[in-house]
Structures are given as C-alpha cells and as structure tokens.
Amino acid sequence: MSKIFFLLFSLFLLTVVIFSFFLFFSFSSNSYYAVYTTNGDIYFGKLSYFPRLSLSDVYLLQIPKTAEKISPPVLLHFSDAVWGPEDKIYLNEENIVWKAKVSDKNKLFSLLINQNQ
C-alpha cells in the first residue's frame, strides 16, 4: 500500500513541476521574438509555450516589391489585416525555420515598443 501511495505522490509532484514550468514560460516573457517560417514570413511578437506555441502582440514584416525596385520593409500589426484576425497566432513547430529573441537595444525593438504605447 505504501509503494502505491509513494508512486501516486511522485506522479503528482512531477505533474505539478511540469505544469509550473509551462506556466513560467507562458507568463514570464515581455520580450519580443522574431519567428521565421518555412514560407518566408517573419513574425515578431511575445512568445508563449503554454498551452501551445504562440505569438501575441504580433507584427508581420513585409518587403514590398515592385517591378523596378525593392522598397523598404514595412512592419504591419497582424490584427490590422483586412480580415480582422485576433492579435495572437498559434505556431506549428514544424513550420519554423528559426526563432530568436529581439535585442532590446535594436531599433526594431524600439519601434515595437513605441507602437504599443
């Protein structure tokens, strides 16, 4: 009987530790991350791992192209799209080429922060 109790208690503790780990990653980051996907899109936002990998406060980097030249990049707020999406996207890990934290000393970070105020 005591072995079963010990096993159940150990499983309970393991579950609490795993859940706490995911909560920590879900709520701990106010940092912005860049996510580059297999289709060539680059998204910027606040990364969360729980309950699914997602970005909130999402921006999309677009590089307008004309026949003559490539225009400067444009940073668009995802929720401002014509079809009116929520300001959160869920990411498929298989479609991510890379993800990286945006340095708070970067001009892009300053632009993101200033657009939120």
C-alpha atoms as a PDB file:
ATOM      1  CA  MET A   1       0.000   0.000   0.000  1.00  0.00           C
ATOM      2  CA  SER A   2       2.795   2.460   0.828  1.00  0.00           C
ATOM      3  CA  LYS A   3       4.503   1.784  -2.542  1.00  0.00           C
ATOM      4  CA  ILE A   4       1.331   2.744  -4.405  1.00  0.00           C
ATOM      5  CA  PHE A   5       0.957   5.880  -2.307  1.00  0.00           C
ATOM      6  CA  PHE A   6       4.606   6.810  -2.960  1.00  0.00           C
ATOM      7  CA  LEU A   7       4.170   6.245  -6.703  1.00  0.00           C
ATOM      8  CA  LEU A   8       0.988   8.342  -6.863  1.00  0.00           C
ATOM      9  CA  PHE A   9       2.546  11.109  -4.804  1.00  0.00           C
ATOM     10  CA  SER A  10       5.629  11.113  -7.063  1.00  0.00           C
ATOM     11  CA  LEU A  11       3.447  11.347 -10.168  1.00  0.00           C
ATOM     12  CA  PHE A  12       1.509  14.203  -8.597  1.00  0.00           C
ATOM     13  CA  LEU A  13       4.722  16.105  -7.815  1.00  0.00           C
ATOM     14  CA  LEU A  14       6.054  15.520 -11.319  1.00  0.00           C
ATOM     15  CA  THR A  15       2.809  16.863 -12.785  1.00  0.00           C
ATOM     16  CA  VAL A  16       2.983  19.973 -10.588  1.00  0.00           C
ATOM     17  CA  VAL A  17       6.602  20.618 -11.605  1.00  0.00           C
ATOM     18  CA  ILE A  18       5.829  20.234 -15.323  1.00  0.00           C
ATOM     19  CA  PHE A  19       2.742  22.444 -15.080  1.00  0.00           C
ATOM     20  CA  SER A  20       4.722  25.110 -13.180  1.00  0.00           C
ATOM     21  CA  PHE A  21       7.431  25.003 -15.849  1.00  0.00           C
ATOM     22  CA  PHE A  22       4.891  25.682 -18.608  1.00  0.00           C
ATOM     23  CA  LEU A  23       3.212  28.448 -16.609  1.00  0.00           C
ATOM     24  CA  PHE A  24       6.580  30.101 -16.090  1.00  0.00           C
ATOM     25  CA  PHE A  25       7.257  30.134 -19.830  1.00  0.00           C
ATOM     26  CA  SER A  26       3.719  31.242 -20.571  1.00  0.00           C
ATOM     27  CA  PHE A  27       3.671  34.350 -18.392  1.00  0.00           C
ATOM     28  CA  SER A  28       7.309  35.278 -17.875  1.00  0.00           C
ATOM     29  CA  SER A  29       8.192  36.957 -21.145  1.00  0.00           C
ATOM     30  CA  ASN A  30       7.543  40.529 -22.145  1.00  0.00           C
ATOM     31  CA  SER A  31      10.350  40.204 -24.665  1.00  0.00           C
ATOM     32  CA  TYR A  32       9.746  40.176 -28.371  1.00  0.00           C
ATOM     33  CA  TYR A  33      10.848  37.296 -30.547  1.00  0.00           C
ATOM     34  CA  ALA A  34      11.352  37.004 -34.277  1.00  0.00           C
ATOM     35  CA  VAL A  35       9.981  33.832 -35.874  1.00  0.00           C
ATOM     36  CA  TYR A  36      10.952  32.909 -39.428  1.00  0.00           C
ATOM     37  CA  THR A  37       8.683  30.352 -41.092  1.00  0.00           C
ATOM     38  CA  THR A  38       9.226  27.924 -43.954  1.00  0.00           C
ATOM     39  CA  ASN A  39       7.081  30.035 -46.302  1.00  0.00           C
ATOM     40  CA  GLY A  40       9.410  33.030 -45.810  1.00  0.00           C
ATOM     41  CA  ASP A  41       7.258  35.086 -43.435  1.00  0.00           C
ATOM     42  CA  ILE A  42       8.875  36.806 -40.461  1.00  0.00           C
ATOM     43  CA  TYR A  43       6.658  37.446 -37.439  1.00  0.00           C
ATOM     44  CA  PHE A  44       7.502  39.435 -34.327  1.00  0.00           C
ATOM     45  CA  GLY A  45       5.673  39.101 -31.046  1.00  0.00           C
ATOM     46  CA  LYS A  46       5.643  37.895 -27.471  1.00  0.00           C
ATOM     47  CA  LEU A  47       6.357  34.174 -27.478  1.00  0.00           C
ATOM     48  CA  SER A  48       4.451  31.752 -25.259  1.00  0.00           C
ATOM     49  CA  TYR A  49       4.898  27.995 -24.927  1.00  0.00           C
ATOM     50  CA  PHE A  50       1.770  27.170 -22.928  1.00  0.00           C
ATOM     51  CA  PRO A  51      -0.708  25.712 -23.693  1.00  0.00           C
ATOM     52  CA  ARG A  52       0.561  25.823 -27.304  1.00  0.00           C
ATOM     53  CA  LEU A  53       3.392  27.635 -29.007  1.00  0.00           C
ATOM     54  CA  SER A  54       2.019  31.063 -29.912  1.00  0.00           C
ATOM     55  CA  LEU A  55       2.819  34.712 -30.519  1.00  0.00           C
ATOM     56  CA  SER A  56       0.763  37.591 -29.153  1.00  0.00           C
ATOM     57  CA  ASP A  57       1.062  41.289 -29.979  1.00  0.00           C
ATOM     58  CA  VAL A  58       2.002  40.086 -33.454  1.00  0.00           C
ATOM     59  CA  TYR A  59       3.668  42.052 -36.228  1.00  0.00           C
ATOM     60  CA  LEU A  60       4.463  40.870 -39.747  1.00  0.00           C
ATOM     61  CA  LEU A  61       7.487  42.102 -41.667  1.00  0.00           C
ATOM     62  CA  GLN A  62       6.684  42.708 -45.320  1.00  0.00           C
ATOM     63  CA  ILE A  63       9.076  43.781 -48.041  1.00  0.00           C
ATOM     64  CA  PRO A  64       7.068  45.389 -50.846  1.00  0.00           C
ATOM     65  CA  LYS A  65       8.380  44.590 -54.315  1.00  0.00           C
ATOM     66  CA  THR A  66       7.706  46.495 -57.488  1.00  0.00           C
ATOM     67  CA  ALA A  67       8.975  45.791 -60.993  1.00  0.00           C
ATOM     68  CA  GLU A  68      11.736  48.391 -60.645  1.00  0.00           C
ATOM     69  CA  LYS A  69      12.991  48.034 -57.097  1.00  0.00           C
ATOM     70  CA  ILE A  70      12.566  46.601 -53.624  1.00  0.00           C
ATOM     71  CA  SER A  71      11.008  49.102 -51.240  1.00  0.00           C
ATOM     72  CA  PRO A  72      11.976  49.465 -47.568  1.00  0.00           C
ATOM     73  CA  PRO A  73      10.465  46.875 -45.211  1.00  0.00           C
ATOM     74  CA  VAL A  74       7.117  47.586 -43.601  1.00  0.00           C
ATOM     75  CA  LEU A  75       6.101  46.376 -40.137  1.00  0.00           C
ATOM     76  CA  LEU A  76       2.363  45.625 -40.044  1.00  0.00           C
ATOM     77  CA  HIS A  77       0.340  44.889 -36.933  1.00  0.00           C
ATOM     78  CA  PHE A  78      -1.250  41.486 -37.538  1.00  0.00           C
ATOM     79  CA  SER A  79      -4.652  42.488 -36.157  1.00  0.00           C
ATOM     80  CA  ASP A  80      -4.854  45.329 -38.708  1.00  0.00           C
ATOM     81  CA  ALA A  81      -5.167  42.866 -41.602  1.00  0.00           C
ATOM     82  CA  VAL A  82      -8.231  43.286 -43.810  1.00  0.00           C
ATOM     83  CA  TRP A  83      -9.861  40.118 -42.469  1.00  0.00           C
ATOM     84  CA  GLY A  84      -9.548  41.308 -38.832  1.00  0.00           C
ATOM     85  CA  PRO A  85      -7.702  38.467 -37.067  1.00  0.00           C
ATOM     86  CA  GLU A  86      -7.108  38.263 -33.335  1.00  0.00           C
ATOM     87  CA  ASP A  87      -3.775  39.569 -32.138  1.00  0.00           C
ATOM     88  CA  LYS A  88      -2.484  36.069 -31.487  1.00  0.00           C
ATOM     89  CA  ILE A  89      -1.228  33.343 -33.774  1.00  0.00           C
ATOM     90  CA  TYR A  90      -0.565  29.711 -32.982  1.00  0.00           C
ATOM     91  CA  LEU A  91       2.630  28.318 -34.429  1.00  0.00           C
ATOM     92  CA  ASN A  92       3.342  24.893 -35.835  1.00  0.00           C
ATOM     93  CA  GLU A  93       6.822  23.896 -34.693  1.00  0.00           C
ATOM     94  CA  GLU A  94       7.354  22.010 -37.982  1.00  0.00           C
ATOM     95  CA  ASN A  95       6.958  25.245 -39.989  1.00  0.00           C
ATOM     96  CA  ILE A  96       9.503  27.273 -38.016  1.00  0.00           C
ATOM     97  CA  VAL A  97      12.963  27.659 -39.528  1.00  0.00           C
ATOM     98  CA  TRP A  98      14.275  29.649 -36.584  1.00  0.00           C
ATOM     99  CA  LYS A  99      13.165  31.847 -33.698  1.00  0.00           C
ATOM    100  CA  ALA A 100      15.258  34.417 -31.849  1.00  0.00           C
ATOM    101  CA  LYS A 101      14.813  36.974 -29.116  1.00  0.00           C
ATOM    102  CA  VAL A 102      14.872  40.566 -30.400  1.00  0.00           C
ATOM    103  CA  SER A 103      17.520  42.569 -28.576  1.00  0.00           C
ATOM    104  CA  ASP A 104      16.129  45.452 -26.554  1.00  0.00           C
ATOM    105  CA  LYS A 105      18.983  47.581 -27.964  1.00  0.00           C
ATOM    106  CA  ASN A 106      17.722  47.045 -31.506  1.00  0.00           C
ATOM    107  CA  LYS A 107      15.885  49.755 -33.481  1.00  0.00           C
ATOM    108  CA  LEU A 108      13.149  47.252 -34.286  1.00  0.00           C
ATOM    109  CA  PHE A 109      12.530  46.658 -30.583  1.00  0.00           C
ATOM    110  CA  SER A 110      12.168  50.413 -30.035  1.00  0.00           C
ATOM    111  CA  LEU A 111       9.689  50.569 -32.918  1.00  0.00           C
ATOM    112  CA  LEU A 112       7.644  47.696 -31.479  1.00  0.00           C
ATOM    113  CA  ILE A 113       7.551  49.253 -28.016  1.00  0.00           C
ATOM    114  CA  ASN A 114       6.621  52.683 -29.352  1.00  0.00           C
ATOM    115  CA  GLN A 115       3.778  51.264 -31.456  1.00  0.00           C
ATOM    116  CA  ASN A 116       2.270  49.684 -28.321  1.00  0.00           C
ATOM    117  CA  GLN A 117       2.080  52.944 -26.408  1.00  0.00           C
END
